Amino acid sequence: MAEVTCVGIAFLDHVFEGDFELTGGGLAFAQDFNQYGGGTAATASVTVVRLGRISTFWGRLGDDETGLQVLDGLNRHRVQTDHVRLVTGAQSPVSSILINADGERHETVFAG
């Protein structure tokens, strides 16, 4: 069986959806909120497993609550995580994504 190794970044995405404008400043109220694992390499790893193959994710996360949550998510999706490095005292990557009713989005990322 083919094995795929994905090297890169893993995020915890905070996704807010609502009927709001994404221009200018101000306060926006979301109608929905979800958290998802994200990052190109981590998402590709999960996709490979969902396609019935073996996938290994290589990357770094902080040893903070966010990093442990991302690592747990990858493990729950049966991604091999033996090569994930938890960096002591580091903050893990997170993003905040606003999506309005027209499908427009605004994303702010902290790469850790």
N, C-alpha and C. Protein backbone atom coordinates (compact mmCIF):
# COMPACT_ATOMS: atom_id res chain seq x y z
N MET A 1 0.84 -1.18 0.00
CA MET A 1 0.00 0.00 0.00
C MET A 1 0.88 1.24 0.00
N ALA A 2 0.50 2.23 -0.77
CA ALA A 2 1.27 3.46 -0.87
C ALA A 2 1.22 4.24 0.43
N GLU A 3 2.36 4.84 0.77
CA GLU A 3 2.44 5.71 1.94
C GLU A 3 2.86 7.10 1.48
N VAL A 4 2.20 8.11 2.04
CA VAL A 4 2.49 9.49 1.67
C VAL A 4 2.96 10.23 2.91
N THR A 5 4.06 10.95 2.78
CA THR A 5 4.55 11.79 3.87
C THR A 5 4.29 13.25 3.49
N CYS A 6 3.59 13.96 4.37
CA CYS A 6 3.29 15.37 4.16
C CYS A 6 4.09 16.18 5.17
N VAL A 7 4.89 17.12 4.67
CA VAL A 7 5.76 17.93 5.50
C VAL A 7 5.29 19.38 5.43
N GLY A 8 5.07 19.97 6.59
CA GLY A 8 4.64 21.37 6.57
C GLY A 8 3.97 21.79 7.85
N ILE A 9 2.92 22.57 7.69
CA ILE A 9 2.30 23.24 8.84
C ILE A 9 0.91 22.66 9.13
N ALA A 10 0.57 22.71 10.40
CA ALA A 10 -0.77 22.33 10.87
C ALA A 10 -1.31 23.49 11.70
N PHE A 11 -2.52 23.90 11.45
CA PHE A 11 -3.18 25.00 12.15
C PHE A 11 -4.38 24.50 12.92
N LEU A 12 -4.84 25.31 13.85
CA LEU A 12 -6.18 25.17 14.39
C LEU A 12 -6.95 26.37 13.83
N ASP A 13 -7.92 26.10 12.97
CA ASP A 13 -8.71 27.14 12.32
C ASP A 13 -9.96 27.44 13.15
N HIS A 14 -10.18 28.73 13.43
CA HIS A 14 -11.40 29.20 14.09
C HIS A 14 -12.25 29.86 12.99
N VAL A 15 -13.36 29.23 12.64
CA VAL A 15 -14.16 29.67 11.49
C VAL A 15 -15.47 30.28 11.98
N PHE A 16 -15.67 31.56 11.63
CA PHE A 16 -16.88 32.30 11.97
C PHE A 16 -17.67 32.53 10.70
N GLU A 17 -18.96 32.18 10.72
CA GLU A 17 -19.80 32.40 9.55
C GLU A 17 -20.97 33.29 9.93
N GLY A 18 -21.32 34.22 9.04
CA GLY A 18 -22.42 35.11 9.33
C GLY A 18 -22.74 36.03 8.18
N ASP A 19 -23.75 36.83 8.40
CA ASP A 19 -24.21 37.79 7.40
C ASP A 19 -23.59 39.14 7.75
N PHE A 20 -22.32 39.31 7.44
CA PHE A 20 -21.63 40.54 7.77
C PHE A 20 -20.75 40.98 6.61
N GLU A 21 -20.45 42.28 6.63
CA GLU A 21 -19.57 42.86 5.62
C GLU A 21 -18.12 42.61 6.03
N LEU A 22 -17.27 42.36 5.08
CA LEU A 22 -15.86 42.11 5.37
C LEU A 22 -14.99 43.29 4.96
N THR A 23 -15.59 44.46 4.92
CA THR A 23 -14.82 45.67 4.61
C THR A 23 -14.92 46.62 5.79
N GLY A 24 -13.88 47.41 5.98
CA GLY A 24 -13.89 48.38 7.06
C GLY A 24 -13.77 47.73 8.42
N GLY A 25 -13.91 48.52 9.42
CA GLY A 25 -13.81 48.04 10.79
C GLY A 25 -15.19 47.78 11.37
N GLY A 26 -15.23 47.63 12.67
CA GLY A 26 -16.50 47.46 13.34
C GLY A 26 -16.63 46.10 13.99
N LEU A 27 -17.78 45.89 14.55
CA LEU A 27 -18.10 44.66 15.28
C LEU A 27 -19.00 43.78 14.42
N ALA A 28 -18.65 42.52 14.31
CA ALA A 28 -19.45 41.58 13.51
C ALA A 28 -19.92 40.44 14.41
N PHE A 29 -21.19 40.08 14.28
CA PHE A 29 -21.74 38.96 15.03
C PHE A 29 -21.91 37.77 14.10
N ALA A 30 -21.30 36.66 14.47
CA ALA A 30 -21.38 35.45 13.66
C ALA A 30 -22.62 34.65 14.05
N GLN A 31 -23.17 33.93 13.07
CA GLN A 31 -24.29 33.04 13.33
C GLN A 31 -23.83 31.60 13.56
N ASP A 32 -22.56 31.31 13.23
CA ASP A 32 -22.04 29.97 13.41
C ASP A 32 -20.54 30.05 13.69
N PHE A 33 -20.05 29.10 14.47
CA PHE A 33 -18.64 29.02 14.80
C PHE A 33 -18.23 27.56 14.88
N ASN A 34 -17.08 27.24 14.28
CA ASN A 34 -16.52 25.89 14.36
C ASN A 34 -15.01 25.98 14.42
N GLN A 35 -14.41 24.94 14.96
CA GLN A 35 -12.96 24.79 14.95
C GLN A 35 -12.63 23.58 14.10
N TYR A 36 -11.62 23.73 13.25
CA TYR A 36 -11.19 22.64 12.39
C TYR A 36 -9.67 22.58 12.39
N GLY A 37 -9.14 21.41 12.18
CA GLY A 37 -7.72 21.30 11.90
C GLY A 37 -7.48 21.85 10.51
N GLY A 38 -6.39 22.56 10.32
CA GLY A 38 -6.09 23.14 9.02
C GLY A 38 -4.60 23.09 8.74
N GLY A 39 -4.22 23.84 7.73
CA GLY A 39 -2.83 23.82 7.27
C GLY A 39 -2.75 22.87 6.08
N THR A 40 -2.04 23.29 5.07
CA THR A 40 -1.98 22.53 3.82
C THR A 40 -1.50 21.09 4.01
N ALA A 41 -0.37 20.92 4.69
CA ALA A 41 0.20 19.58 4.83
C ALA A 41 -0.65 18.69 5.73
N ALA A 42 -1.16 19.25 6.83
CA ALA A 42 -1.99 18.46 7.74
C ALA A 42 -3.29 18.05 7.06
N THR A 43 -3.90 18.97 6.33
CA THR A 43 -5.14 18.66 5.61
C THR A 43 -4.90 17.61 4.55
N ALA A 44 -3.78 17.70 3.85
CA ALA A 44 -3.44 16.69 2.84
C ALA A 44 -3.26 15.32 3.49
N SER A 45 -2.64 15.29 4.67
CA SER A 45 -2.45 14.02 5.38
C SER A 45 -3.78 13.34 5.70
N VAL A 46 -4.72 14.13 6.18
CA VAL A 46 -6.05 13.58 6.50
C VAL A 46 -6.74 13.09 5.23
N THR A 47 -6.61 13.84 4.15
CA THR A 47 -7.23 13.45 2.88
C THR A 47 -6.67 12.13 2.38
N VAL A 48 -5.37 11.94 2.49
CA VAL A 48 -4.74 10.68 2.07
C VAL A 48 -5.33 9.51 2.84
N VAL A 49 -5.49 9.67 4.15
CA VAL A 49 -6.07 8.59 4.97
C VAL A 49 -7.51 8.34 4.56
N ARG A 50 -8.27 9.39 4.32
CA ARG A 50 -9.67 9.22 3.90
C ARG A 50 -9.78 8.51 2.55
N LEU A 51 -8.74 8.61 1.75
CA LEU A 51 -8.71 7.91 0.46
C LEU A 51 -8.22 6.47 0.61
N GLY A 52 -8.00 6.04 1.85
CA GLY A 52 -7.64 4.65 2.11
C GLY A 52 -6.16 4.34 2.10
N ARG A 53 -5.33 5.34 2.19
CA ARG A 53 -3.89 5.13 2.17
C ARG A 53 -3.29 5.48 3.53
N ILE A 54 -2.01 5.19 3.70
CA ILE A 54 -1.28 5.53 4.91
C ILE A 54 -0.64 6.90 4.72
N SER A 55 -0.76 7.75 5.74
CA SER A 55 -0.18 9.08 5.65
C SER A 55 0.55 9.41 6.94
N THR A 56 1.70 10.06 6.77
CA THR A 56 2.50 10.54 7.89
C THR A 56 2.62 12.05 7.77
N PHE A 57 2.40 12.74 8.89
CA PHE A 57 2.58 14.19 8.92
C PHE A 57 3.86 14.51 9.66
N TRP A 58 4.73 15.31 9.05
CA TRP A 58 5.96 15.80 9.68
C TRP A 58 5.81 17.31 9.83
N GLY A 59 5.93 17.78 11.05
CA GLY A 59 5.83 19.21 11.29
C GLY A 59 6.10 19.53 12.74
N ARG A 60 5.98 20.82 13.06
CA ARG A 60 6.22 21.28 14.43
C ARG A 60 4.96 21.92 14.97
N LEU A 61 4.73 21.71 16.26
CA LEU A 61 3.66 22.36 16.99
C LEU A 61 4.21 22.80 18.33
N GLY A 62 3.58 23.79 18.92
CA GLY A 62 3.94 24.12 20.29
C GLY A 62 3.42 23.04 21.22
N ASP A 63 3.98 23.00 22.42
CA ASP A 63 3.48 22.03 23.40
C ASP A 63 2.31 22.60 24.20
N ASP A 64 1.66 23.62 23.64
CA ASP A 64 0.52 24.27 24.29
C ASP A 64 -0.77 23.49 24.04
N GLU A 65 -1.86 23.98 24.61
CA GLU A 65 -3.16 23.31 24.47
C GLU A 65 -3.58 23.20 23.01
N THR A 66 -3.32 24.24 22.23
CA THR A 66 -3.67 24.22 20.81
C THR A 66 -2.90 23.14 20.07
N GLY A 67 -1.61 23.05 20.30
CA GLY A 67 -0.80 22.02 19.65
C GLY A 67 -1.25 20.63 19.99
N LEU A 68 -1.57 20.41 21.25
CA LEU A 68 -2.06 19.09 21.67
C LEU A 68 -3.41 18.77 21.04
N GLN A 69 -4.26 19.80 20.88
CA GLN A 69 -5.55 19.60 20.23
C GLN A 69 -5.38 19.24 18.76
N VAL A 70 -4.48 19.92 18.07
CA VAL A 70 -4.21 19.61 16.66
C VAL A 70 -3.64 18.20 16.53
N LEU A 71 -2.69 17.86 17.39
CA LEU A 71 -2.08 16.53 17.36
C LEU A 71 -3.12 15.45 17.61
N ASP A 72 -4.01 15.68 18.57
CA ASP A 72 -5.08 14.73 18.85
C ASP A 72 -5.98 14.55 17.63
N GLY A 73 -6.30 15.64 16.95
CA GLY A 73 -7.14 15.56 15.76
C GLY A 73 -6.50 14.74 14.66
N LEU A 74 -5.21 14.95 14.44
CA LEU A 74 -4.51 14.15 13.43
C LEU A 74 -4.53 12.67 13.80
N ASN A 75 -4.29 12.38 15.07
CA ASN A 75 -4.31 10.99 15.53
C ASN A 75 -5.71 10.37 15.39
N ARG A 76 -6.74 11.14 15.70
CA ARG A 76 -8.11 10.62 15.56
C ARG A 76 -8.44 10.30 14.10
N HIS A 77 -7.82 11.02 13.18
CA HIS A 77 -8.02 10.76 11.75
C HIS A 77 -7.05 9.69 11.23
N ARG A 78 -6.32 9.06 12.15
CA ARG A 78 -5.41 7.95 11.84
C ARG A 78 -4.20 8.37 10.99
N VAL A 79 -3.82 9.63 11.13
CA VAL A 79 -2.58 10.11 10.50
C VAL A 79 -1.43 9.71 11.42
N GLN A 80 -0.35 9.20 10.85
CA GLN A 80 0.84 8.84 11.62
C GLN A 80 1.54 10.14 12.05
N THR A 81 1.77 10.30 13.36
CA THR A 81 2.33 11.55 13.87
C THR A 81 3.63 11.35 14.65
N ASP A 82 4.32 10.25 14.41
CA ASP A 82 5.56 9.98 15.14
C ASP A 82 6.63 11.04 14.90
N HIS A 83 6.54 11.77 13.78
CA HIS A 83 7.57 12.75 13.45
C HIS A 83 7.12 14.19 13.70
N VAL A 84 6.04 14.36 14.47
CA VAL A 84 5.64 15.70 14.88
C VAL A 84 6.52 16.10 16.06
N ARG A 85 7.09 17.28 15.95
CA ARG A 85 7.95 17.79 17.03
C ARG A 85 7.16 18.81 17.84
N LEU A 86 6.97 18.52 19.14
CA LEU A 86 6.34 19.47 20.05
C LEU A 86 7.43 20.34 20.65
N VAL A 87 7.38 21.63 20.37
CA VAL A 87 8.42 22.56 20.80
C VAL A 87 8.01 23.16 22.15
N THR A 88 8.83 22.93 23.15
CA THR A 88 8.56 23.40 24.50
C THR A 88 8.44 24.92 24.55
N GLY A 89 7.33 25.39 25.08
CA GLY A 89 7.12 26.82 25.26
C GLY A 89 6.67 27.57 24.02
N ALA A 90 6.55 26.90 22.89
CA ALA A 90 6.16 27.57 21.65
C ALA A 90 4.63 27.65 21.53
N GLN A 91 4.15 28.67 20.83
CA GLN A 91 2.73 28.79 20.52
C GLN A 91 2.47 28.12 19.18
N SER A 92 1.41 27.35 19.12
CA SER A 92 1.06 26.64 17.89
C SER A 92 0.33 27.56 16.90
N PRO A 93 0.39 27.21 15.62
CA PRO A 93 -0.28 28.01 14.60
C PRO A 93 -1.80 28.00 14.74
N VAL A 94 -2.40 29.17 14.61
CA VAL A 94 -3.86 29.32 14.64
C VAL A 94 -4.28 30.30 13.55
N SER A 95 -5.53 30.19 13.14
CA SER A 95 -6.08 31.17 12.21
C SER A 95 -7.50 31.51 12.60
N SER A 96 -7.91 32.69 12.22
CA SER A 96 -9.28 33.16 12.40
C SER A 96 -9.83 33.45 11.02
N ILE A 97 -10.93 32.79 10.65
CA ILE A 97 -11.48 32.92 9.30
C ILE A 97 -12.92 33.39 9.41
N LEU A 98 -13.23 34.50 8.77
CA LEU A 98 -14.60 35.01 8.70
C LEU A 98 -15.13 34.76 7.31
N ILE A 99 -16.30 34.14 7.23
CA ILE A 99 -16.93 33.85 5.94
C ILE A 99 -18.32 34.45 5.97
N ASN A 100 -18.63 35.33 5.00
CA ASN A 100 -19.96 35.93 4.99
C ASN A 100 -20.92 35.16 4.09
N ALA A 101 -22.15 35.63 4.05
CA ALA A 101 -23.21 34.93 3.31
C ALA A 101 -22.93 34.84 1.82
N ASP A 102 -22.10 35.74 1.28
CA ASP A 102 -21.73 35.70 -0.14
C ASP A 102 -20.55 34.77 -0.42
N GLY A 103 -20.02 34.13 0.63
CA GLY A 103 -18.88 33.23 0.46
C GLY A 103 -17.54 33.94 0.48
N GLU A 104 -17.55 35.25 0.68
CA GLU A 104 -16.29 35.98 0.80
C GLU A 104 -15.66 35.62 2.14
N ARG A 105 -14.33 35.64 2.19
CA ARG A 105 -13.68 35.32 3.44
C ARG A 105 -12.54 36.28 3.73
N HIS A 106 -12.28 36.39 5.01
CA HIS A 106 -11.12 37.14 5.50
C HIS A 106 -10.41 36.22 6.48
N GLU A 107 -9.10 36.07 6.30
CA GLU A 107 -8.35 35.15 7.14
C GLU A 107 -7.18 35.90 7.79
N THR A 108 -7.03 35.68 9.09
CA THR A 108 -5.89 36.20 9.83
C THR A 108 -5.18 34.99 10.42
N VAL A 109 -3.87 34.91 10.19
CA VAL A 109 -3.13 33.73 10.66
C VAL A 109 -2.00 34.13 11.59
N PHE A 110 -1.74 33.26 12.54
CA PHE A 110 -0.56 33.35 13.41
C PHE A 110 0.18 32.04 13.18
N ALA A 111 1.35 32.12 12.55
CA ALA A 111 2.06 30.90 12.13
C ALA A 111 2.83 30.22 13.27
N GLY A 112 2.82 30.81 14.45
CA GLY A 112 3.48 30.17 15.58
C GLY A 112 4.97 30.41 15.57
